[in-house]
């Protein structure tokens, strides 16, 4: 789908969104909203999404069920504290295994975000699989979504239909994309996440990260932070920019 088609009034109307509300949303997000430090109103049973994303997700879920797919949410909204627990667990694991602090950090950010920088802070993003087939032990692995994997048919359905409900794959398998590795399970509700990302780009992330005392944050050099913003935060599916 071309970007200009996505932002056309007809398509935005179909998914319950308008250009005027798109512009309005950009001014509605506080720094705490964007960094997972607020207490947003969220919806869902076993998962949490903003209302518009939740409504769109229910429609997509119902449509998928008609084709024999039972969408299972593995992860959705995560606040700052939750993301920090993930960060600390991985940092301790990798350093205890013998990695230097900087290499532990590089290992973490192959798939996990620095607390305060996660799209999962927004209530717009989901990690999903098909709940029907036997669930593999390593659930969120790219191989599970390829031609031999248990979720390959589900991935094909999502490739065809997800965009029509406003959901877009975030970390694609585009060959020259940098930052986080390919995640065929991670989708974002574009009508809200696009203005949230635009608002997030106005936050002084480098300054915010210097304020907190994360494990390993002494190794967050200016070059590292700039590269992280450019590659991990912004080198995503261009449909979400």
C-alpha atoms as a PDB file:
ATOM      1  CA  UNK A   1       0.000   0.000   0.000  1.00  0.00           C
ATOM      2  CA  UNK A   2       1.331   3.430  -0.928  1.00  0.00           C
ATOM      3  CA  UNK A   3       1.639   5.893   1.957  1.00  0.00           C
ATOM      4  CA  UNK A   4      -0.517   8.416   0.123  1.00  0.00           C
ATOM      5  CA  UNK A   5      -3.278   5.798  -0.079  1.00  0.00           C
ATOM      6  CA  UNK A   6      -3.044   5.159   3.661  1.00  0.00           C
ATOM      7  CA  UNK A   7      -3.450   8.777   4.618  1.00  0.00           C
ATOM      8  CA  UNK A   8      -6.276   9.431   2.165  1.00  0.00           C
ATOM      9  CA  UNK A   9      -9.522  10.558   3.735  1.00  0.00           C
ATOM     10  CA  UNK A  10     -11.338   7.473   2.522  1.00  0.00           C
ATOM     11  CA  UNK A  11      -8.948   5.073   4.193  1.00  0.00           C
ATOM     12  CA  UNK A  12      -8.726   7.107   7.362  1.00  0.00           C
ATOM     13  CA  UNK A  13     -12.481   7.191   7.487  1.00  0.00           C
ATOM     14  CA  UNK A  14     -12.618   3.434   7.124  1.00  0.00           C
ATOM     15  CA  UNK A  15     -10.513   2.945  10.235  1.00  0.00           C
ATOM     16  CA  UNK A  16     -12.282   5.654  12.219  1.00  0.00           C
ATOM     17  CA  UNK A  17      -9.651   8.340  12.006  1.00  0.00           C
ATOM     18  CA  UNK A  18      -9.437  11.796  10.416  1.00  0.00           C
ATOM     19  CA  UNK A  19      -6.669  14.120   9.402  1.00  0.00           C
ATOM     20  CA  UNK A  20      -7.887  16.730  11.882  1.00  0.00           C
ATOM     21  CA  UNK A  21      -7.790  14.276  14.775  1.00  0.00           C
ATOM     22  CA  UNK A  22      -4.370  13.089  13.544  1.00  0.00           C
ATOM     23  CA  UNK A  23      -3.021  16.631  13.938  1.00  0.00           C
ATOM     24  CA  UNK A  24      -4.781  17.108  17.258  1.00  0.00           C
ATOM     25  CA  UNK A  25      -3.269  13.937  18.698  1.00  0.00           C
ATOM     26  CA  UNK A  26       0.252  15.220  18.160  1.00  0.00           C
ATOM     27  CA  UNK A  27      -0.292  17.875  20.827  1.00  0.00           C
ATOM     28  CA  UNK A  28      -2.010  15.555  23.311  1.00  0.00           C
ATOM     29  CA  UNK A  29       0.948  13.436  24.387  1.00  0.00           C
ATOM     30  CA  UNK A  30       3.012  14.381  27.410  1.00  0.00           C
ATOM     31  CA  UNK A  31       6.608  13.314  27.869  1.00  0.00           C
ATOM     32  CA  UNK A  32       5.438  10.849  30.513  1.00  0.00           C
ATOM     33  CA  UNK A  33       2.898   9.369  28.059  1.00  0.00           C
ATOM     34  CA  UNK A  34       5.647   8.828  25.513  1.00  0.00           C
ATOM     35  CA  UNK A  35       8.094   7.312  27.997  1.00  0.00           C
ATOM     36  CA  UNK A  36       5.710   4.946  29.774  1.00  0.00           C
ATOM     37  CA  UNK A  37       5.589   6.949  32.989  1.00  0.00           C
ATOM     38  CA  UNK A  38       1.943   8.042  32.961  1.00  0.00           C
ATOM     39  CA  UNK A  39      -1.238   6.116  33.773  1.00  0.00           C
ATOM     40  CA  UNK A  40      -3.139   5.992  30.451  1.00  0.00           C
ATOM     41  CA  UNK A  41      -6.665   4.649  29.946  1.00  0.00           C
ATOM     42  CA  UNK A  42      -6.227   1.285  28.269  1.00  0.00           C
ATOM     43  CA  UNK A  43      -8.539  -1.476  27.096  1.00  0.00           C
ATOM     44  CA  UNK A  44      -8.332  -5.210  26.576  1.00  0.00           C
ATOM     45  CA  UNK A  45      -8.651  -8.592  28.253  1.00  0.00           C
ATOM     46  CA  UNK A  46      -5.169  -9.922  28.946  1.00  0.00           C
ATOM     47  CA  UNK A  47      -3.630  -7.131  26.900  1.00  0.00           C
ATOM     48  CA  UNK A  48      -3.787  -3.337  26.993  1.00  0.00           C
ATOM     49  CA  UNK A  49      -4.301  -0.878  24.126  1.00  0.00           C
ATOM     50  CA  UNK A  50      -5.551   2.642  23.609  1.00  0.00           C
ATOM     51  CA  UNK A  51      -9.256   2.697  22.755  1.00  0.00           C
ATOM     52  CA  UNK A  52      -8.979   3.301  19.006  1.00  0.00           C
ATOM     53  CA  UNK A  53      -6.262   0.658  18.683  1.00  0.00           C
ATOM     54  CA  UNK A  54      -8.333  -1.731  20.792  1.00  0.00           C
ATOM     55  CA  UNK A  55     -11.434  -1.271  18.617  1.00  0.00           C
ATOM     56  CA  UNK A  56      -9.420  -1.814  15.431  1.00  0.00           C
ATOM     57  CA  UNK A  57      -7.720  -4.866  16.932  1.00  0.00           C
ATOM     58  CA  UNK A  58     -11.068  -6.471  17.809  1.00  0.00           C
ATOM     59  CA  UNK A  59     -12.207  -6.039  14.207  1.00  0.00           C
ATOM     60  CA  UNK A  60      -8.985  -7.561  12.887  1.00  0.00           C
ATOM     61  CA  UNK A  61      -9.188 -10.410  15.392  1.00  0.00           C
ATOM     62  CA  UNK A  62     -12.759 -11.226  14.354  1.00  0.00           C
ATOM     63  CA  UNK A  63     -11.837 -11.179  10.676  1.00  0.00           C
ATOM     64  CA  UNK A  64      -8.826 -13.423  11.267  1.00  0.00           C
ATOM     65  CA  UNK A  65     -11.030 -15.917  13.103  1.00  0.00           C
ATOM     66  CA  UNK A  66     -13.199 -16.238   9.986  1.00  0.00           C
ATOM     67  CA  UNK A  67     -10.075 -17.474   8.194  1.00  0.00           C
ATOM     68  CA  UNK A  68      -9.197 -19.935  10.946  1.00  0.00           C
ATOM     69  CA  UNK A  69      -6.648 -17.845  12.874  1.00  0.00           C
ATOM     70  CA  UNK A  70      -6.981 -17.189  16.595  1.00  0.00           C
ATOM     71  CA  UNK A  71      -4.885 -14.116  17.305  1.00  0.00           C
ATOM     72  CA  UNK A  72      -3.027 -14.472  20.582  1.00  0.00           C
ATOM     73  CA  UNK A  73      -1.452 -11.404  22.185  1.00  0.00           C
ATOM     74  CA  UNK A  74       1.948 -12.134  23.681  1.00  0.00           C
ATOM     75  CA  UNK A  75       2.746  -8.574  24.713  1.00  0.00           C
ATOM     76  CA  UNK A  76       1.110  -5.153  24.474  1.00  0.00           C
ATOM     77  CA  UNK A  77       1.429  -2.072  26.707  1.00  0.00           C
ATOM     78  CA  UNK A  78       4.434  -2.057  29.005  1.00  0.00           C
ATOM     79  CA  UNK A  79       5.117   0.806  31.390  1.00  0.00           C
ATOM     80  CA  UNK A  80       8.560   2.140  32.208  1.00  0.00           C
ATOM     81  CA  UNK A  81       8.997  -0.073  35.266  1.00  0.00           C
ATOM     82  CA  UNK A  82       8.116  -3.202  33.288  1.00  0.00           C
ATOM     83  CA  UNK A  83      10.600  -2.334  30.548  1.00  0.00           C
ATOM     84  CA  UNK A  84      13.248  -1.625  33.159  1.00  0.00           C
ATOM     85  CA  UNK A  85      12.743  -5.080  34.689  1.00  0.00           C
ATOM     86  CA  UNK A  86      13.359  -6.627  31.258  1.00  0.00           C
ATOM     87  CA  UNK A  87      16.442  -4.445  30.806  1.00  0.00           C
ATOM     88  CA  UNK A  88      17.906  -5.335  34.197  1.00  0.00           C
ATOM     89  CA  UNK A  89      17.230  -9.056  33.785  1.00  0.00           C
ATOM     90  CA  UNK A  90      18.997  -9.159  30.422  1.00  0.00           C
ATOM     91  CA  UNK A  91      21.855  -6.908  31.507  1.00  0.00           C
ATOM     92  CA  UNK A  92      22.603  -9.097  34.529  1.00  0.00           C
ATOM     93  CA  UNK A  93      22.299 -12.275  32.474  1.00  0.00           C
ATOM     94  CA  UNK A  94      24.662 -11.158  29.728  1.00  0.00           C
ATOM     95  CA  UNK A  95      27.274  -9.647  32.033  1.00  0.00           C
ATOM     96  CA  UNK A  96      27.215 -12.731  34.264  1.00  0.00           C
ATOM     97  CA  UNK A  97      27.834 -14.796  31.140  1.00  0.00           C
ATOM     98  CA  UNK A  98      31.030 -12.832  30.595  1.00  0.00           C
ATOM     99  CA  UNK A  99      30.055 -10.052  28.204  1.00  0.00           C
ATOM    100  CA  UNK A 100      31.512  -6.631  28.867  1.00  0.00           C
ATOM    101  CA  UNK A 101      28.941  -3.956  29.817  1.00  0.00           C
ATOM    102  CA  UNK A 102      28.989  -2.320  26.371  1.00  0.00           C
ATOM    103  CA  UNK A 103      28.678  -5.669  24.596  1.00  0.00           C
ATOM    104  CA  UNK A 104      25.856  -6.657  26.939  1.00  0.00           C
ATOM    105  CA  UNK A 105      24.059  -3.444  25.982  1.00  0.00           C
ATOM    106  CA  UNK A 106      24.601  -4.115  22.273  1.00  0.00           C
ATOM    107  CA  UNK A 107      23.218  -7.619  22.771  1.00  0.00           C
ATOM    108  CA  UNK A 108      20.138  -6.339  24.581  1.00  0.00           C
ATOM    109  CA  UNK A 109      19.253  -3.794  21.903  1.00  0.00           C
ATOM    110  CA  UNK A 110      19.153  -6.427  19.199  1.00  0.00           C
ATOM    111  CA  UNK A 111      15.555  -7.053  20.322  1.00  0.00           C
ATOM    112  CA  UNK A 112      14.818  -5.048  23.513  1.00  0.00           C
ATOM    113  CA  UNK A 113      14.576  -1.319  24.052  1.00  0.00           C
ATOM    114  CA  UNK A 114      16.136   0.955  26.616  1.00  0.00           C
ATOM    115  CA  UNK A 115      13.451   1.835  29.219  1.00  0.00           C
ATOM    116  CA  UNK A 116      11.686   5.031  28.216  1.00  0.00           C
ATOM    117  CA  UNK A 117      12.233   4.407  24.491  1.00  0.00           C
ATOM    118  CA  UNK A 118       9.889   1.485  23.824  1.00  0.00           C
ATOM    119  CA  UNK A 119       6.955   1.659  21.411  1.00  0.00           C
ATOM    120  CA  UNK A 120       5.225  -0.672  23.867  1.00  0.00           C
ATOM    121  CA  UNK A 121       4.955   2.346  26.202  1.00  0.00           C
ATOM    122  CA  UNK A 122       2.319   3.821  23.878  1.00  0.00           C
ATOM    123  CA  UNK A 123      -0.581   1.360  23.981  1.00  0.00           C
ATOM    124  CA  UNK A 124      -0.431   1.085  20.197  1.00  0.00           C
ATOM    125  CA  UNK A 125       1.846  -1.902  19.662  1.00  0.00           C
ATOM    126  CA  UNK A 126       1.302  -5.641  19.943  1.00  0.00           C
ATOM    127  CA  UNK A 127       3.335  -8.815  19.739  1.00  0.00           C
ATOM    128  CA  UNK A 128       0.982 -11.438  18.300  1.00  0.00           C
ATOM    129  CA  UNK A 129       0.942 -15.048  17.114  1.00  0.00           C
ATOM    130  CA  UNK A 130      -1.675 -17.575  16.015  1.00  0.00           C
ATOM    131  CA  UNK A 131      -2.970 -19.344  19.111  1.00  0.00           C
ATOM    132  CA  UNK A 132      -4.302 -22.367  17.229  1.00  0.00           C
ATOM    133  CA  UNK A 133      -1.215 -24.486  16.406  1.00  0.00           C
ATOM    134  CA  UNK A 134       0.954 -26.080  19.118  1.00  0.00           C
ATOM    135  CA  UNK A 135       2.966 -23.258  20.632  1.00  0.00           C
ATOM    136  CA  UNK A 136       6.732 -23.690  20.171  1.00  0.00           C
ATOM    137  CA  UNK A 137       8.971 -23.273  23.210  1.00  0.00           C
ATOM    138  CA  UNK A 138      10.699 -20.234  21.722  1.00  0.00           C
ATOM    139  CA  UNK A 139       7.525 -18.405  20.760  1.00  0.00           C
ATOM    140  CA  UNK A 140       8.835 -15.142  19.312  1.00  0.00           C
ATOM    141  CA  UNK A 141      11.421 -16.402  16.865  1.00  0.00           C
ATOM    142  CA  UNK A 142      11.492 -15.397  13.204  1.00  0.00           C
ATOM    143  CA  UNK A 143      11.749 -19.035  12.095  1.00  0.00           C
ATOM    144  CA  UNK A 144       8.261 -19.695  13.495  1.00  0.00           C
ATOM    145  CA  UNK A 145       6.808 -17.315  10.904  1.00  0.00           C
ATOM    146  CA  UNK A 146       8.628 -18.616   7.811  1.00  0.00           C
ATOM    147  CA  UNK A 147       7.547 -21.331   5.348  1.00  0.00           C
ATOM    148  CA  UNK A 148       8.284 -24.169   7.779  1.00  0.00           C
ATOM    149  CA  UNK A 149       7.029 -22.496  10.951  1.00  0.00           C
ATOM    150  CA  UNK A 150       3.742 -22.940  12.819  1.00  0.00           C
ATOM    151  CA  UNK A 151       2.762 -19.309  12.229  1.00  0.00           C
ATOM    152  CA  UNK A 152       3.641 -19.045   8.533  1.00  0.00           C
ATOM    153  CA  UNK A 153       0.039 -19.105   7.288  1.00  0.00           C
ATOM    154  CA  UNK A 154      -0.929 -16.553   9.921  1.00  0.00           C
ATOM    155  CA  UNK A 155       1.912 -14.295   8.768  1.00  0.00           C
ATOM    156  CA  UNK A 156       0.652 -14.589   5.194  1.00  0.00           C
ATOM    157  CA  UNK A 157      -2.824 -13.542   6.344  1.00  0.00           C
ATOM    158  CA  UNK A 158      -1.415 -10.592   8.269  1.00  0.00           C
ATOM    159  CA  UNK A 159       0.674  -9.520   5.271  1.00  0.00           C
ATOM    160  CA  UNK A 160      -2.529  -9.335   3.242  1.00  0.00           C
ATOM    161  CA  UNK A 161      -5.001  -7.914   5.737  1.00  0.00           C
ATOM    162  CA  UNK A 162      -3.342  -6.159   8.696  1.00  0.00           C
ATOM    163  CA  UNK A 163      -2.810  -2.799   6.976  1.00  0.00           C
ATOM    164  CA  UNK A 164      -6.523  -2.475   6.186  1.00  0.00           C
ATOM    165  CA  UNK A 165      -7.170  -2.382   9.945  1.00  0.00           C
ATOM    166  CA  UNK A 166      -4.399   0.163  10.548  1.00  0.00           C
ATOM    167  CA  UNK A 167      -1.777  -2.292  11.823  1.00  0.00           C
ATOM    168  CA  UNK A 168       1.720  -2.317  10.318  1.00  0.00           C
ATOM    169  CA  UNK A 169       4.768  -4.474  10.920  1.00  0.00           C
ATOM    170  CA  UNK A 170       7.360  -2.325  12.691  1.00  0.00           C
ATOM    171  CA  UNK A 171      10.708  -4.094  12.291  1.00  0.00           C
ATOM    172  CA  UNK A 172      10.705  -5.487   8.770  1.00  0.00           C
ATOM    173  CA  UNK A 173      13.113  -7.874   7.078  1.00  0.00           C
ATOM    174  CA  UNK A 174      14.267  -5.194   4.622  1.00  0.00           C
ATOM    175  CA  UNK A 175      17.899  -6.062   3.879  1.00  0.00           C
ATOM    176  CA  UNK A 176      19.476  -2.671   4.589  1.00  0.00           C
ATOM    177  CA  UNK A 177      17.407  -1.840   7.675  1.00  0.00           C
ATOM    178  CA  UNK A 178      19.458  -1.342  10.846  1.00  0.00           C
ATOM    179  CA  UNK A 179      18.545  -1.289  14.541  1.00  0.00           C
ATOM    180  CA  UNK A 180      16.324  -3.956  16.039  1.00  0.00           C
ATOM    181  CA  UNK A 181      16.293  -7.282  14.274  1.00  0.00           C
ATOM    182  CA  UNK A 182      13.366  -8.550  12.203  1.00  0.00           C
ATOM    183  CA  UNK A 183      10.241  -9.093  14.306  1.00  0.00           C
ATOM    184  CA  UNK A 184       7.432 -10.672  12.251  1.00  0.00           C
ATOM    185  CA  UNK A 185       5.228 -10.662  15.353  1.00  0.00           C
ATOM    186  CA  UNK A 186       5.356  -6.922  16.224  1.00  0.00           C
ATOM    187  CA  UNK A 187       2.570  -4.721  14.824  1.00  0.00           C
ATOM    188  CA  UNK A 188       1.715  -1.091  15.463  1.00  0.00           C
ATOM    189  CA  UNK A 189      -1.571   0.773  15.091  1.00  0.00           C
ATOM    190  CA  UNK A 190      -0.423   3.494  12.717  1.00  0.00           C
ATOM    191  CA  UNK A 191      -3.179   6.136  13.166  1.00  0.00           C
ATOM    192  CA  UNK A 192      -1.978   6.709  16.743  1.00  0.00           C
ATOM    193  CA  UNK A 193       1.632   5.529  16.728  1.00  0.00           C
ATOM    194  CA  UNK A 194       2.636   7.815  13.840  1.00  0.00           C
ATOM    195  CA  UNK A 195       1.713  11.045  15.700  1.00  0.00           C
ATOM    196  CA  UNK A 196       3.160   9.595  18.901  1.00  0.00           C
ATOM    197  CA  UNK A 197       6.483   8.973  17.180  1.00  0.00           C
ATOM    198  CA  UNK A 198       6.443  12.509  15.784  1.00  0.00           C
ATOM    199  CA  UNK A 199       5.839  13.846  19.291  1.00  0.00           C
ATOM    200  CA  UNK A 200       8.520  11.532  20.689  1.00  0.00           C
ATOM    201  CA  UNK A 201      11.097  12.952  18.283  1.00  0.00           C
ATOM    202  CA  UNK A 202      10.675  16.317  20.032  1.00  0.00           C
ATOM    203  CA  UNK A 203      11.764  14.834  23.375  1.00  0.00           C
ATOM    204  CA  UNK A 204      15.429  15.283  24.278  1.00  0.00           C
ATOM    205  CA  UNK A 205      16.070  11.546  24.643  1.00  0.00           C
ATOM    206  CA  UNK A 206      19.783  11.941  25.305  1.00  0.00           C
ATOM    207  CA  UNK A 207      19.059  14.265  28.215  1.00  0.00           C
ATOM    208  CA  UNK A 208      16.327  11.992  29.589  1.00  0.00           C
ATOM    209  CA  UNK A 209      18.550   8.936  29.496  1.00  0.00           C
ATOM    210  CA  UNK A 210      21.296  10.778  31.347  1.00  0.00           C
ATOM    211  CA  UNK A 211      18.880  11.597  34.181  1.00  0.00           C
ATOM    212  CA  UNK A 212      18.109   7.973  35.028  1.00  0.00           C
ATOM    213  CA  UNK A 213      20.488   5.461  36.539  1.00  0.00           C
ATOM    214  CA  UNK A 214      19.897   2.357  34.474  1.00  0.00           C
ATOM    215  CA  UNK A 215      22.188  -0.613  34.756  1.00  0.00           C
ATOM    216  CA  UNK A 216      24.957   0.097  32.264  1.00  0.00           C
ATOM    217  CA  UNK A 217      23.882   3.669  31.583  1.00  0.00           C
ATOM    218  CA  UNK A 218      27.403   4.913  32.317  1.00  0.00           C
ATOM    219  CA  UNK A 219      28.264   3.416  28.926  1.00  0.00           C
ATOM    220  CA  UNK A 220      25.598   5.419  27.078  1.00  0.00           C
ATOM    221  CA  UNK A 221      27.991   7.660  25.177  1.00  0.00           C
ATOM    222  CA  UNK A 222      26.711  10.484  22.983  1.00  0.00           C
ATOM    223  CA  UNK A 223      27.613   8.481  19.884  1.00  0.00           C
ATOM    224  CA  UNK A 224      25.798   5.422  21.221  1.00  0.00           C
ATOM    225  CA  UNK A 225      22.622   7.383  21.989  1.00  0.00           C
ATOM    226  CA  UNK A 226      22.639   9.146  18.619  1.00  0.00           C
ATOM    227  CA  UNK A 227      23.105   5.853  16.805  1.00  0.00           C
ATOM    228  CA  UNK A 228      20.396   4.202  18.909  1.00  0.00           C
ATOM    229  CA  UNK A 229      17.902   6.962  18.038  1.00  0.00           C
ATOM    230  CA  UNK A 230      18.760   6.861  14.347  1.00  0.00           C
ATOM    231  CA  UNK A 231      18.790   3.090  13.954  1.00  0.00           C
ATOM    232  CA  UNK A 232      16.669   1.527  16.688  1.00  0.00           C
ATOM    233  CA  UNK A 233      13.956   4.155  17.059  1.00  0.00           C
ATOM    234  CA  UNK A 234      13.737   5.555  13.537  1.00  0.00           C
ATOM    235  CA  UNK A 235      14.920   2.827  11.152  1.00  0.00           C
ATOM    236  CA  UNK A 236      11.537   1.126  11.014  1.00  0.00           C
ATOM    237  CA  UNK A 237       8.858   0.385   8.444  1.00  0.00           C
ATOM    238  CA  UNK A 238       8.638   3.689   6.500  1.00  0.00           C
ATOM    239  CA  UNK A 239       4.828   3.391   6.588  1.00  0.00           C
ATOM    240  CA  UNK A 240       5.085   4.190  10.306  1.00  0.00           C
ATOM    241  CA  UNK A 241       7.132   7.374   9.961  1.00  0.00           C
END
